[in-house]
């Protein structure tokens, strides 16, 4: 060994491991309101890849029941090949969120018509007919006709419409209601 005969100058090098790029993206979904939660626990790797033998753990926390839209959010962790050690910090991890959307449920009603000869009492009609759509399962439709005609003439037979779920909560705002008012008519009474 003759190393001592040299005036050595050693400049150390640098070893650098760059974060591994990985982009996960959750799915989007939509449906018409039906009183049940909208959940879509699906995702894909849209860019990059995992190191060999490593795996991702994804936990979703997005759920939407009423009309509206939210991000389909999730949290992700990257595990080493043992399936337990968290190596997420070694990744340039991005999570892109899809959208969950619930749209209004269409429902059309026709309020009842009625007519009678004047008798001094109020003419009312609480009947109605669903002409299009239907109420979601386990929900209850309440239609309260508000029209009244006592004297000779005619007027609209309007109604107050509400829908409640199985817990008694008012969910009417989740419906796109089309209400066609009826007509109440009182005709003159003939005297001879």
C-alpha atoms as a PDB file:
ATOM      1  CA  UNK A   1       0.000   0.000   0.000  1.00  0.00           C
ATOM      2  CA  UNK A   2       1.631   3.248  -1.136  1.00  0.00           C
ATOM      3  CA  UNK A   3      -1.311   5.544  -0.394  1.00  0.00           C
ATOM      4  CA  UNK A   4       0.765   7.579   2.039  1.00  0.00           C
ATOM      5  CA  UNK A   5       2.932   8.732  -0.866  1.00  0.00           C
ATOM      6  CA  UNK A   6      -0.041  10.647  -2.333  1.00  0.00           C
ATOM      7  CA  UNK A   7      -1.542  14.000  -1.391  1.00  0.00           C
ATOM      8  CA  UNK A   8      -5.135  12.956  -1.836  1.00  0.00           C
ATOM      9  CA  UNK A   9      -8.005  15.371  -2.319  1.00  0.00           C
ATOM     10  CA  UNK A  10     -11.376  13.618  -2.228  1.00  0.00           C
ATOM     11  CA  UNK A  11     -14.593  15.390  -3.116  1.00  0.00           C
ATOM     12  CA  UNK A  12     -17.579  13.375  -1.978  1.00  0.00           C
ATOM     13  CA  UNK A  13     -20.422  12.775  -4.383  1.00  0.00           C
ATOM     14  CA  UNK A  14     -24.139  13.067  -3.613  1.00  0.00           C
ATOM     15  CA  UNK A  15     -26.735  10.339  -3.820  1.00  0.00           C
ATOM     16  CA  UNK A  16     -30.296  11.584  -4.182  1.00  0.00           C
ATOM     17  CA  UNK A  17     -33.525   9.678  -4.463  1.00  0.00           C
ATOM     18  CA  UNK A  18     -36.302  11.764  -5.971  1.00  0.00           C
ATOM     19  CA  UNK A  19     -39.901  11.250  -4.871  1.00  0.00           C
ATOM     20  CA  UNK A  20     -41.801   8.861  -7.134  1.00  0.00           C
ATOM     21  CA  UNK A  21     -44.740  10.579  -8.856  1.00  0.00           C
ATOM     22  CA  UNK A  22     -48.149   9.001  -8.382  1.00  0.00           C
ATOM     23  CA  UNK A  23     -51.587  10.436  -9.194  1.00  0.00           C
ATOM     24  CA  UNK A  24     -54.750   8.725  -7.998  1.00  0.00           C
ATOM     25  CA  UNK A  25     -58.149   9.823  -9.255  1.00  0.00           C
ATOM     26  CA  UNK A  26     -61.552   8.866  -7.857  1.00  0.00           C
ATOM     27  CA  UNK A  27     -64.542   8.111 -10.058  1.00  0.00           C
ATOM     28  CA  UNK A  28     -67.528  10.398 -10.595  1.00  0.00           C
ATOM     29  CA  UNK A  29     -71.166   9.332 -10.407  1.00  0.00           C
ATOM     30  CA  UNK A  30     -74.674  10.773 -10.432  1.00  0.00           C
ATOM     31  CA  UNK A  31     -78.240   9.648  -9.893  1.00  0.00           C
ATOM     32  CA  UNK A  32     -81.766  10.920  -9.443  1.00  0.00           C
ATOM     33  CA  UNK A  33     -82.731  11.354  -5.783  1.00  0.00           C
ATOM     34  CA  UNK A  34     -84.106   8.141  -4.297  1.00  0.00           C
ATOM     35  CA  UNK A  35     -83.565   8.665  -0.564  1.00  0.00           C
ATOM     36  CA  UNK A  36     -80.488   6.411  -0.386  1.00  0.00           C
ATOM     37  CA  UNK A  37     -76.814   7.483  -0.216  1.00  0.00           C
ATOM     38  CA  UNK A  38     -74.764   7.815  -3.398  1.00  0.00           C
ATOM     39  CA  UNK A  39     -71.337   6.245  -2.816  1.00  0.00           C
ATOM     40  CA  UNK A  40     -68.722   5.417  -5.484  1.00  0.00           C
ATOM     41  CA  UNK A  41     -65.617   3.841  -3.953  1.00  0.00           C
ATOM     42  CA  UNK A  42     -63.640   3.456  -7.153  1.00  0.00           C
ATOM     43  CA  UNK A  43     -60.375   5.043  -8.272  1.00  0.00           C
ATOM     44  CA  UNK A  44     -57.596   4.613 -10.783  1.00  0.00           C
ATOM     45  CA  UNK A  45     -53.925   5.434 -11.139  1.00  0.00           C
ATOM     46  CA  UNK A  46     -54.012   8.232 -13.703  1.00  0.00           C
ATOM     47  CA  UNK A  47     -50.278   8.996 -13.710  1.00  0.00           C
ATOM     48  CA  UNK A  48     -47.109   7.349 -12.432  1.00  0.00           C
ATOM     49  CA  UNK A  49     -46.795   3.962 -10.778  1.00  0.00           C
ATOM     50  CA  UNK A  50     -45.954   2.228  -7.524  1.00  0.00           C
ATOM     51  CA  UNK A  51     -42.511   0.848  -6.802  1.00  0.00           C
ATOM     52  CA  UNK A  52     -42.345  -2.906  -7.243  1.00  0.00           C
ATOM     53  CA  UNK A  53     -43.916  -4.822  -4.391  1.00  0.00           C
ATOM     54  CA  UNK A  54     -45.552  -1.770  -2.839  1.00  0.00           C
ATOM     55  CA  UNK A  55     -49.278  -1.155  -2.546  1.00  0.00           C
ATOM     56  CA  UNK A  56     -51.731   1.624  -1.870  1.00  0.00           C
ATOM     57  CA  UNK A  57     -54.443   1.807   0.757  1.00  0.00           C
ATOM     58  CA  UNK A  58     -57.395   4.063  -0.090  1.00  0.00           C
ATOM     59  CA  UNK A  59     -60.174   5.130   2.281  1.00  0.00           C
ATOM     60  CA  UNK A  60     -63.254   6.890   0.933  1.00  0.00           C
ATOM     61  CA  UNK A  61     -65.346   9.257   3.062  1.00  0.00           C
ATOM     62  CA  UNK A  62     -67.771  10.765   0.526  1.00  0.00           C
ATOM     63  CA  UNK A  63     -71.502  10.047   0.631  1.00  0.00           C
ATOM     64  CA  UNK A  64     -74.407  12.108  -0.699  1.00  0.00           C
ATOM     65  CA  UNK A  65     -78.123  11.502  -0.135  1.00  0.00           C
ATOM     66  CA  UNK A  66     -79.875  14.823  -0.760  1.00  0.00           C
ATOM     67  CA  UNK A  67     -79.849  16.864  -3.956  1.00  0.00           C
ATOM     68  CA  UNK A  68     -76.515  18.602  -4.600  1.00  0.00           C
ATOM     69  CA  UNK A  69     -72.933  17.746  -5.500  1.00  0.00           C
ATOM     70  CA  UNK A  70     -69.735  17.067  -3.560  1.00  0.00           C
ATOM     71  CA  UNK A  71     -66.188  15.930  -4.281  1.00  0.00           C
ATOM     72  CA  UNK A  72     -65.658  12.168  -4.106  1.00  0.00           C
ATOM     73  CA  UNK A  73     -62.885  12.582  -1.543  1.00  0.00           C
ATOM     74  CA  UNK A  74     -60.548   9.867  -0.327  1.00  0.00           C
ATOM     75  CA  UNK A  75     -57.301   9.483   1.600  1.00  0.00           C
ATOM     76  CA  UNK A  76     -54.390   7.388   0.340  1.00  0.00           C
ATOM     77  CA  UNK A  77     -51.405   5.741   2.008  1.00  0.00           C
ATOM     78  CA  UNK A  78     -48.568   3.851   0.287  1.00  0.00           C
ATOM     79  CA  UNK A  79     -47.246   0.725   2.019  1.00  0.00           C
ATOM     80  CA  UNK A  80     -43.917  -1.067   1.656  1.00  0.00           C
ATOM     81  CA  UNK A  81     -43.831  -4.691   0.518  1.00  0.00           C
ATOM     82  CA  UNK A  82     -44.588  -5.848   4.072  1.00  0.00           C
ATOM     83  CA  UNK A  83     -48.031  -4.261   3.716  1.00  0.00           C
ATOM     84  CA  UNK A  84     -47.606  -2.310   6.968  1.00  0.00           C
ATOM     85  CA  UNK A  85     -44.767   0.216   6.726  1.00  0.00           C
ATOM     86  CA  UNK A  86     -45.944   3.638   5.551  1.00  0.00           C
ATOM     87  CA  UNK A  87     -43.676   4.876   2.738  1.00  0.00           C
ATOM     88  CA  UNK A  88     -45.985   7.622   1.462  1.00  0.00           C
ATOM     89  CA  UNK A  89     -43.339  10.307   2.127  1.00  0.00           C
ATOM     90  CA  UNK A  90     -41.238   8.776  -0.674  1.00  0.00           C
ATOM     91  CA  UNK A  91     -43.915   9.649  -3.209  1.00  0.00           C
ATOM     92  CA  UNK A  92     -45.012  12.834  -4.897  1.00  0.00           C
ATOM     93  CA  UNK A  93     -48.623  11.800  -4.328  1.00  0.00           C
ATOM     94  CA  UNK A  94     -51.567  13.713  -5.749  1.00  0.00           C
ATOM     95  CA  UNK A  95     -55.214  12.836  -5.230  1.00  0.00           C
ATOM     96  CA  UNK A  96     -57.735  14.078  -7.773  1.00  0.00           C
ATOM     97  CA  UNK A  97     -61.377  13.901  -6.758  1.00  0.00           C
ATOM     98  CA  UNK A  98     -64.310  13.035  -8.972  1.00  0.00           C
ATOM     99  CA  UNK A  99     -67.810  14.409  -8.311  1.00  0.00           C
ATOM    100  CA  UNK A 100     -70.877  12.850  -6.736  1.00  0.00           C
ATOM    101  CA  UNK A 101     -74.151  14.464  -7.804  1.00  0.00           C
ATOM    102  CA  UNK A 102     -77.767  13.840  -6.851  1.00  0.00           C
ATOM    103  CA  UNK A 103     -80.396  15.496  -9.055  1.00  0.00           C
ATOM    104  CA  UNK A 104     -84.013  16.305  -8.223  1.00  0.00           C
ATOM    105  CA  UNK A 105     -86.638  13.601  -8.612  1.00  0.00           C
ATOM    106  CA  UNK A 106     -89.400  14.697 -11.025  1.00  0.00           C
ATOM    107  CA  UNK A 107     -92.992  14.396  -9.837  1.00  0.00           C
ATOM    108  CA  UNK A 108     -96.121  15.813 -11.480  1.00  0.00           C
ATOM    109  CA  UNK A 109     -99.548  16.127  -9.856  1.00  0.00           C
ATOM    110  CA  UNK A 110    -103.005  17.193 -11.024  1.00  0.00           C
ATOM    111  CA  UNK A 111    -105.286  18.585  -8.320  1.00  0.00           C
ATOM    112  CA  UNK A 112    -108.943  17.664  -8.568  1.00  0.00           C
ATOM    113  CA  UNK A 113    -111.644  19.670 -10.357  1.00  0.00           C
ATOM    114  CA  UNK A 114    -115.195  19.948  -9.057  1.00  0.00           C
ATOM    115  CA  UNK A 115    -118.470  21.718  -9.694  1.00  0.00           C
ATOM    116  CA  UNK A 116    -121.843  22.068  -8.000  1.00  0.00           C
ATOM    117  CA  UNK A 117    -124.972  24.174  -7.950  1.00  0.00           C
ATOM    118  CA  UNK A 118    -124.896  26.977  -5.374  1.00  0.00           C
ATOM    119  CA  UNK A 119    -126.129  25.816  -1.952  1.00  0.00           C
ATOM    120  CA  UNK A 120    -124.439  28.289   0.404  1.00  0.00           C
ATOM    121  CA  UNK A 121    -121.710  25.881   1.520  1.00  0.00           C
ATOM    122  CA  UNK A 122    -118.092  25.787   0.427  1.00  0.00           C
ATOM    123  CA  UNK A 123    -117.059  23.594  -2.490  1.00  0.00           C
ATOM    124  CA  UNK A 124    -113.740  21.817  -1.889  1.00  0.00           C
ATOM    125  CA  UNK A 125    -111.993  18.830  -3.459  1.00  0.00           C
ATOM    126  CA  UNK A 126    -108.997  17.109  -1.878  1.00  0.00           C
ATOM    127  CA  UNK A 127    -108.459  14.591  -4.671  1.00  0.00           C
ATOM    128  CA  UNK A 128    -105.278  14.492  -6.753  1.00  0.00           C
ATOM    129  CA  UNK A 129    -103.604  12.302  -9.340  1.00  0.00           C
ATOM    130  CA  UNK A 130     -99.922  11.598  -9.973  1.00  0.00           C
ATOM    131  CA  UNK A 131     -99.544  12.196 -13.701  1.00  0.00           C
ATOM    132  CA  UNK A 132     -95.795  11.575 -14.039  1.00  0.00           C
ATOM    133  CA  UNK A 133     -93.017  10.164 -11.871  1.00  0.00           C
ATOM    134  CA  UNK A 134     -93.345   8.496  -8.506  1.00  0.00           C
ATOM    135  CA  UNK A 135     -92.408   9.043  -4.880  1.00  0.00           C
ATOM    136  CA  UNK A 136     -89.144   7.401  -3.759  1.00  0.00           C
ATOM    137  CA  UNK A 137     -89.488   4.092  -1.854  1.00  0.00           C
ATOM    138  CA  UNK A 138     -90.470   4.371   1.821  1.00  0.00           C
ATOM    139  CA  UNK A 139     -91.459   8.023   1.417  1.00  0.00           C
ATOM    140  CA  UNK A 140     -94.892   9.558   1.871  1.00  0.00           C
ATOM    141  CA  UNK A 141     -96.659  12.139  -0.266  1.00  0.00           C
ATOM    142  CA  UNK A 142     -99.039  14.568   1.432  1.00  0.00           C
ATOM    143  CA  UNK A 143    -101.332  16.762  -0.651  1.00  0.00           C
ATOM    144  CA  UNK A 144    -103.527  19.316   1.112  1.00  0.00           C
ATOM    145  CA  UNK A 145    -105.937  21.068  -1.231  1.00  0.00           C
ATOM    146  CA  UNK A 146    -106.428  24.706  -0.251  1.00  0.00           C
ATOM    147  CA  UNK A 147    -109.074  25.784  -2.765  1.00  0.00           C
ATOM    148  CA  UNK A 148    -112.588  26.762  -1.706  1.00  0.00           C
ATOM    149  CA  UNK A 149    -115.512  28.265  -3.619  1.00  0.00           C
ATOM    150  CA  UNK A 150    -118.794  29.216  -1.934  1.00  0.00           C
ATOM    151  CA  UNK A 151    -120.458  31.809  -4.143  1.00  0.00           C
ATOM    152  CA  UNK A 152    -121.306  31.521  -7.846  1.00  0.00           C
ATOM    153  CA  UNK A 153    -118.128  31.608  -9.932  1.00  0.00           C
ATOM    154  CA  UNK A 154    -114.915  29.643 -10.202  1.00  0.00           C
ATOM    155  CA  UNK A 155    -111.475  29.627  -8.658  1.00  0.00           C
ATOM    156  CA  UNK A 156    -108.277  27.614  -8.649  1.00  0.00           C
ATOM    157  CA  UNK A 157    -108.030  24.538  -6.474  1.00  0.00           C
ATOM    158  CA  UNK A 158    -104.400  24.821  -5.389  1.00  0.00           C
ATOM    159  CA  UNK A 159    -102.615  22.513  -2.958  1.00  0.00           C
ATOM    160  CA  UNK A 160     -99.749  22.365  -0.494  1.00  0.00           C
ATOM    161  CA  UNK A 161     -97.534  19.390  -1.375  1.00  0.00           C
ATOM    162  CA  UNK A 162     -94.964  17.806   0.947  1.00  0.00           C
ATOM    163  CA  UNK A 163     -92.940  14.607   0.878  1.00  0.00           C
ATOM    164  CA  UNK A 164     -91.541  13.030   4.050  1.00  0.00           C
ATOM    165  CA  UNK A 165     -89.096  10.162   4.516  1.00  0.00           C
ATOM    166  CA  UNK A 166     -89.492   7.148   6.813  1.00  0.00           C
ATOM    167  CA  UNK A 167     -88.153   9.188   9.745  1.00  0.00           C
ATOM    168  CA  UNK A 168     -90.754  11.909   9.185  1.00  0.00           C
ATOM    169  CA  UNK A 169     -88.212  14.408   7.804  1.00  0.00           C
ATOM    170  CA  UNK A 170     -89.403  16.814   5.111  1.00  0.00           C
ATOM    171  CA  UNK A 171     -87.559  15.942   1.873  1.00  0.00           C
ATOM    172  CA  UNK A 172     -89.727  17.951  -0.528  1.00  0.00           C
ATOM    173  CA  UNK A 173     -86.782  20.051  -1.733  1.00  0.00           C
ATOM    174  CA  UNK A 174     -85.298  16.909  -3.281  1.00  0.00           C
ATOM    175  CA  UNK A 175     -88.201  16.799  -5.756  1.00  0.00           C
ATOM    176  CA  UNK A 176     -88.861  18.775  -8.900  1.00  0.00           C
ATOM    177  CA  UNK A 177     -92.588  19.253  -8.402  1.00  0.00           C
ATOM    178  CA  UNK A 178     -94.975  20.216 -11.155  1.00  0.00           C
ATOM    179  CA  UNK A 179     -98.453  20.871  -9.764  1.00  0.00           C
ATOM    180  CA  UNK A 180    -101.379  21.579 -12.063  1.00  0.00           C
ATOM    181  CA  UNK A 181    -104.142  23.255 -10.087  1.00  0.00           C
ATOM    182  CA  UNK A 182    -107.717  22.140 -10.436  1.00  0.00           C
ATOM    183  CA  UNK A 183    -110.806  24.317 -10.878  1.00  0.00           C
ATOM    184  CA  UNK A 184    -113.717  24.713  -8.476  1.00  0.00           C
ATOM    185  CA  UNK A 185    -116.947  26.069  -9.969  1.00  0.00           C
ATOM    186  CA  UNK A 186    -120.236  26.970  -8.349  1.00  0.00           C
ATOM    187  CA  UNK A 187    -123.095  27.493 -10.805  1.00  0.00           C
ATOM    188  CA  UNK A 188    -126.261  29.560 -10.200  1.00  0.00           C
ATOM    189  CA  UNK A 189    -129.191  27.850  -8.481  1.00  0.00           C
ATOM    190  CA  UNK A 190    -132.309  27.914 -10.598  1.00  0.00           C
ATOM    191  CA  UNK A 191    -135.498  29.254  -9.057  1.00  0.00           C
ATOM    192  CA  UNK A 192    -138.870  28.881 -10.745  1.00  0.00           C
END
